[in-house]
Protein backbone atom coordinates (compact mmCIF):
# COMPACT_ATOMS: atom_id res chain seq x y z
CA MET A 1 -48.82 29.31 46.17
CA GLN A 2 -45.20 29.74 47.21
CA ASP A 3 -42.75 27.20 45.82
CA SER A 4 -41.62 25.16 48.85
CA GLU A 5 -38.19 24.69 47.25
CA HIS A 6 -37.61 28.46 47.44
CA SER A 7 -39.28 29.24 50.77
CA ASP A 8 -37.22 30.49 53.68
CA PRO A 9 -36.06 27.87 56.18
CA PRO A 10 -37.94 27.82 59.47
CA LEU A 11 -36.65 29.97 62.30
CA ALA A 12 -34.42 28.13 64.78
CA PRO A 13 -35.76 28.51 68.34
CA TRP A 14 -33.19 29.35 71.02
CA LYS A 15 -34.28 29.24 74.66
CA ILE A 16 -32.53 31.99 76.64
CA LEU A 17 -32.64 32.54 80.40
CA ILE A 18 -32.56 36.00 81.96
CA ALA A 19 -31.23 35.53 85.48
CA GLY A 20 -29.77 37.57 88.32
CA GLY A 21 -30.48 38.75 91.81
CA PHE A 22 -33.66 40.12 93.32
CA GLY A 23 -34.43 43.53 91.79
CA ALA A 24 -31.65 43.39 89.18
CA GLY A 25 -34.04 44.31 86.33
CA LYS A 26 -34.89 40.97 84.75
CA THR A 27 -38.58 41.71 84.20
CA THR A 28 -37.68 45.15 82.85
CA LEU A 29 -35.20 43.67 80.36
CA VAL A 30 -37.64 41.07 79.06
CA GLY A 31 -40.31 43.73 78.64
CA ALA A 32 -37.94 46.11 76.85
CA VAL A 33 -36.75 43.64 74.20
CA SER A 34 -39.76 41.40 73.65
CA GLU A 35 -41.66 41.80 70.38
CA ILE A 36 -44.80 40.42 72.03
CA GLU A 37 -46.59 41.53 75.17
CA PRO A 38 -44.48 39.75 77.79
CA LEU A 39 -45.97 37.26 80.19
CA THR A 40 -45.08 38.25 83.75
CA THR A 41 -45.80 36.77 87.16
CA GLU A 42 -45.23 39.87 89.26
CA GLU A 43 -46.84 39.98 92.69
CA THR A 44 -46.93 42.77 95.25
CA LEU A 45 -44.35 42.53 98.01
CA THR A 46 -45.90 42.02 101.44
CA GLN A 47 -44.76 42.31 105.02
CA ALA A 48 -44.52 38.51 105.13
CA SER A 49 -41.99 38.46 102.30
CA ALA A 50 -39.89 41.15 103.99
CA ARG A 51 -38.52 38.48 106.31
CA THR A 52 -36.94 36.65 103.35
CA ASP A 53 -36.50 39.28 100.61
CA SER A 54 -34.04 42.00 101.59
CA LEU A 55 -34.82 45.38 100.02
CA GLN A 56 -31.47 46.91 100.90
CA GLY A 57 -30.37 48.90 97.86
CA VAL A 58 -33.76 48.48 96.13
CA GLU A 59 -36.05 50.08 98.72
CA SER A 60 -38.42 51.44 96.05
CA LYS A 61 -39.24 47.97 94.68
CA THR A 62 -42.88 47.01 95.29
CA THR A 63 -43.31 43.82 93.22
CA THR A 64 -41.42 40.59 92.63
CA THR A 65 -41.43 37.74 90.10
CA VAL A 66 -42.78 34.56 91.68
CA ALA A 67 -42.58 32.16 88.72
CA LEU A 68 -41.14 33.44 85.44
CA ASP A 69 -41.27 36.12 82.79
CA PHE A 70 -41.62 35.19 79.13
CA GLY A 71 -40.91 37.16 75.98
CA LYS A 72 -39.82 36.60 72.38
CA ILE A 73 -37.56 38.31 69.89
CA THR A 74 -36.87 37.37 66.27
CA LEU A 75 -33.38 37.80 64.80
CA THR A 76 -34.38 37.91 61.16
CA HIS A 77 -30.91 37.97 59.62
CA GLN A 78 -29.86 34.93 61.67
CA ARG A 79 -33.09 32.98 61.02
CA MET A 80 -33.66 32.41 64.72
CA VAL A 81 -36.20 33.31 67.37
CA LEU A 82 -35.07 33.83 70.95
CA LEU A 83 -37.51 32.60 73.60
CA LEU A 84 -36.75 34.58 76.75
CA PHE A 85 -37.41 33.13 80.20
CA GLY A 86 -36.83 35.45 83.14
CA THR A 87 -36.05 33.55 86.33
CA PRO A 88 -37.08 34.57 89.86
CA GLY A 89 -34.13 35.92 91.83
CA GLN A 90 -35.00 35.09 95.43
CA GLU A 91 -33.42 32.06 97.10
CA ARG A 92 -36.82 30.59 97.97
CA PHE A 93 -37.53 30.17 94.24
CA TRP A 94 -34.18 28.67 93.21
CA PHE A 95 -35.76 25.20 93.10
CA MET A 96 -37.32 26.28 89.78
CA TRP A 97 -34.00 26.94 88.05
CA PRO A 98 -33.32 23.35 86.84
CA ASP A 99 -36.71 23.17 85.13
CA LEU A 100 -36.28 26.59 83.55
CA ALA A 101 -32.77 25.70 82.37
CA GLU A 102 -33.98 22.53 80.61
CA GLY A 103 -33.31 22.98 76.89
CA ALA A 104 -31.73 26.42 77.26
CA VAL A 105 -28.79 27.32 75.01
CA GLY A 106 -27.55 30.27 77.04
CA ALA A 107 -28.27 32.85 79.71
CA ILE A 108 -27.80 36.49 80.61
CA VAL A 109 -26.86 37.19 84.23
CA LEU A 110 -28.10 40.69 85.00
CA VAL A 111 -25.99 42.39 87.68
CA ASP A 112 -26.98 45.22 90.01
CA THR A 113 -23.70 46.58 91.37
CA ARG A 114 -25.50 47.86 94.47
CA ARG A 115 -26.08 44.19 95.39
CA PHE A 116 -23.09 42.46 93.83
CA ALA A 117 -23.32 39.30 95.96
CA ASP A 118 -26.80 38.55 94.59
CA SER A 119 -25.17 37.71 91.24
CA TYR A 120 -23.00 34.88 92.53
CA PRO A 121 -25.66 32.13 92.76
CA ALA A 122 -26.67 32.49 89.09
CA VAL A 123 -23.05 32.61 87.94
CA GLU A 124 -22.15 29.53 89.98
CA TYR A 125 -25.24 27.65 88.81
CA PHE A 126 -24.62 28.24 85.12
CA LEU A 127 -20.96 27.30 85.52
CA SER A 128 -21.99 24.08 87.29
CA ILE A 129 -24.32 23.02 84.45
CA GLN A 130 -21.92 24.35 81.77
CA LEU A 131 -24.51 26.67 80.24
CA PRO A 132 -22.98 29.53 78.21
CA PHE A 133 -23.74 32.92 79.70
CA VAL A 134 -22.80 36.57 79.54
CA VAL A 135 -22.91 39.11 82.34
CA ALA A 136 -24.86 42.32 81.71
CA VAL A 137 -24.33 45.11 84.22
CA ASN A 138 -27.57 47.06 84.62
CA ARG A 139 -26.43 50.65 85.11
CA PHE A 140 -28.78 52.06 87.73
CA ALA A 141 -28.53 55.83 88.13
CA ASP A 142 -27.58 55.63 91.82
CA ALA A 143 -25.13 52.73 91.45
CA ASP A 144 -21.35 52.96 91.48
CA ARG A 145 -19.78 52.70 88.03
CA TYR A 146 -17.48 49.77 87.24
CA GLU A 147 -15.70 48.86 84.04
CA PRO A 148 -16.37 45.41 82.51
CA GLU A 149 -12.87 44.27 83.47
CA GLU A 150 -13.55 45.09 87.13
CA VAL A 151 -16.82 43.16 87.10
CA HIS A 152 -15.07 40.23 85.44
CA VAL A 153 -12.53 40.07 88.28
CA ALA A 154 -15.12 40.64 91.02
CA LEU A 155 -17.25 37.71 89.81
CA ASP A 156 -14.18 35.52 89.13
CA LEU A 157 -15.49 34.68 85.66
CA PRO A 158 -13.85 32.32 83.17
CA PRO A 159 -11.53 34.27 80.83
CA ASP A 160 -13.80 34.11 77.77
CA THR A 161 -17.05 35.12 79.51
CA PRO A 162 -18.27 38.44 78.07
CA VAL A 163 -19.28 41.33 80.33
CA VAL A 164 -21.37 44.13 78.84
CA LEU A 165 -22.83 47.35 80.24
CA CYS A 166 -26.49 48.10 79.59
CA ASP A 167 -29.63 49.87 80.68
CA ALA A 168 -32.31 47.19 81.08
CA ARG A 169 -34.94 49.74 80.01
CA SER A 170 -33.29 50.22 76.61
CA THR A 171 -34.52 48.02 73.77
CA VAL A 172 -31.34 48.63 71.77
CA GLN A 173 -28.94 47.87 74.63
CA GLY A 174 -30.95 44.86 75.79
CA ARG A 175 -30.99 43.37 72.31
CA GLN A 176 -27.27 43.99 71.93
CA ALA A 177 -26.69 42.02 75.14
CA LEU A 178 -28.71 39.17 73.64
CA ILE A 179 -26.70 39.31 70.42
CA THR A 180 -23.50 39.11 72.47
CA LEU A 181 -24.87 36.00 74.17
CA VAL A 182 -25.85 34.38 70.86
CA GLN A 183 -22.37 35.02 69.46
CA HIS A 184 -20.75 33.64 72.62
CA ALA A 185 -22.92 30.50 72.70
CA HIS A 186 -22.30 29.95 69.00
CA ALA A 187 -18.52 30.26 69.44
CA LEU A 188 -18.51 27.77 72.33
CA ALA A 189 -20.67 25.31 70.39
CA VAL A 190 -18.37 25.47 67.36
CA ARG A 191 -15.34 25.00 69.61
CA ASN A 192 -16.84 21.98 71.38
CA ARG A 193 -18.72 20.44 68.45
CA PRO A 194 -17.06 21.59 65.21
CA SER A 195 -19.42 19.57 63.03
CA ALA A 196 -22.65 20.82 64.63
CA PRO A 197 -24.91 22.80 62.24
CA LEU A 198 -25.40 26.25 63.75
CA PRO A 199 -26.58 29.61 62.40
CA SER A 200 -23.88 31.70 60.77
CA LEU A 201 -23.21 34.76 62.90
CA SER A 202 -20.91 37.70 62.38
CA ARG A 203 -19.74 40.63 64.43
CA SER A 204 -21.97 42.85 62.30
CA THR A 205 -25.07 41.06 63.56
CA ARG A 206 -28.20 43.18 63.27
CA VAL A 207 -31.60 42.75 64.88
């Protein structure tokens, strides 16, 4: 039997939202980084939804998230487990955002530069509820290339909000975006609540 006095402390659960516009790659990102088979609520797009869900710029998309995506990733060195909740991007599902944001410690806003304006609602919502977030630009092959500084200006982000470039299909790049978020949320928490007990993170964070 393992001596309880020498056992590892339990993993700290961190609820993370993966948000962004319709077709930005949220389901893909959750699937790429999750260590478990992700739960998805993808449904086939129909002619009825075409009246409300514009496919301009994402004409090849055939499915859409109608509730949420769920995945999990363990950061062993930080003694934490990230619980990932992918939000639906269409305006008709925005009523779900407050419930999904309950208890969250941070969010990733995934940006498709072919549909820049679709990113604004998530950015504005997280600013309004003061939830730490980072912006991850999903680099689609047919999308124009922008530097992080340009995206920062275009979205009118607060000065300390990180912007990273990634491929949502890449496990390594997706996890690095999550690590950037964890570091950002940790820094804000320390700044606002210096006495709060939080995991010790460093720039050399590994997954």
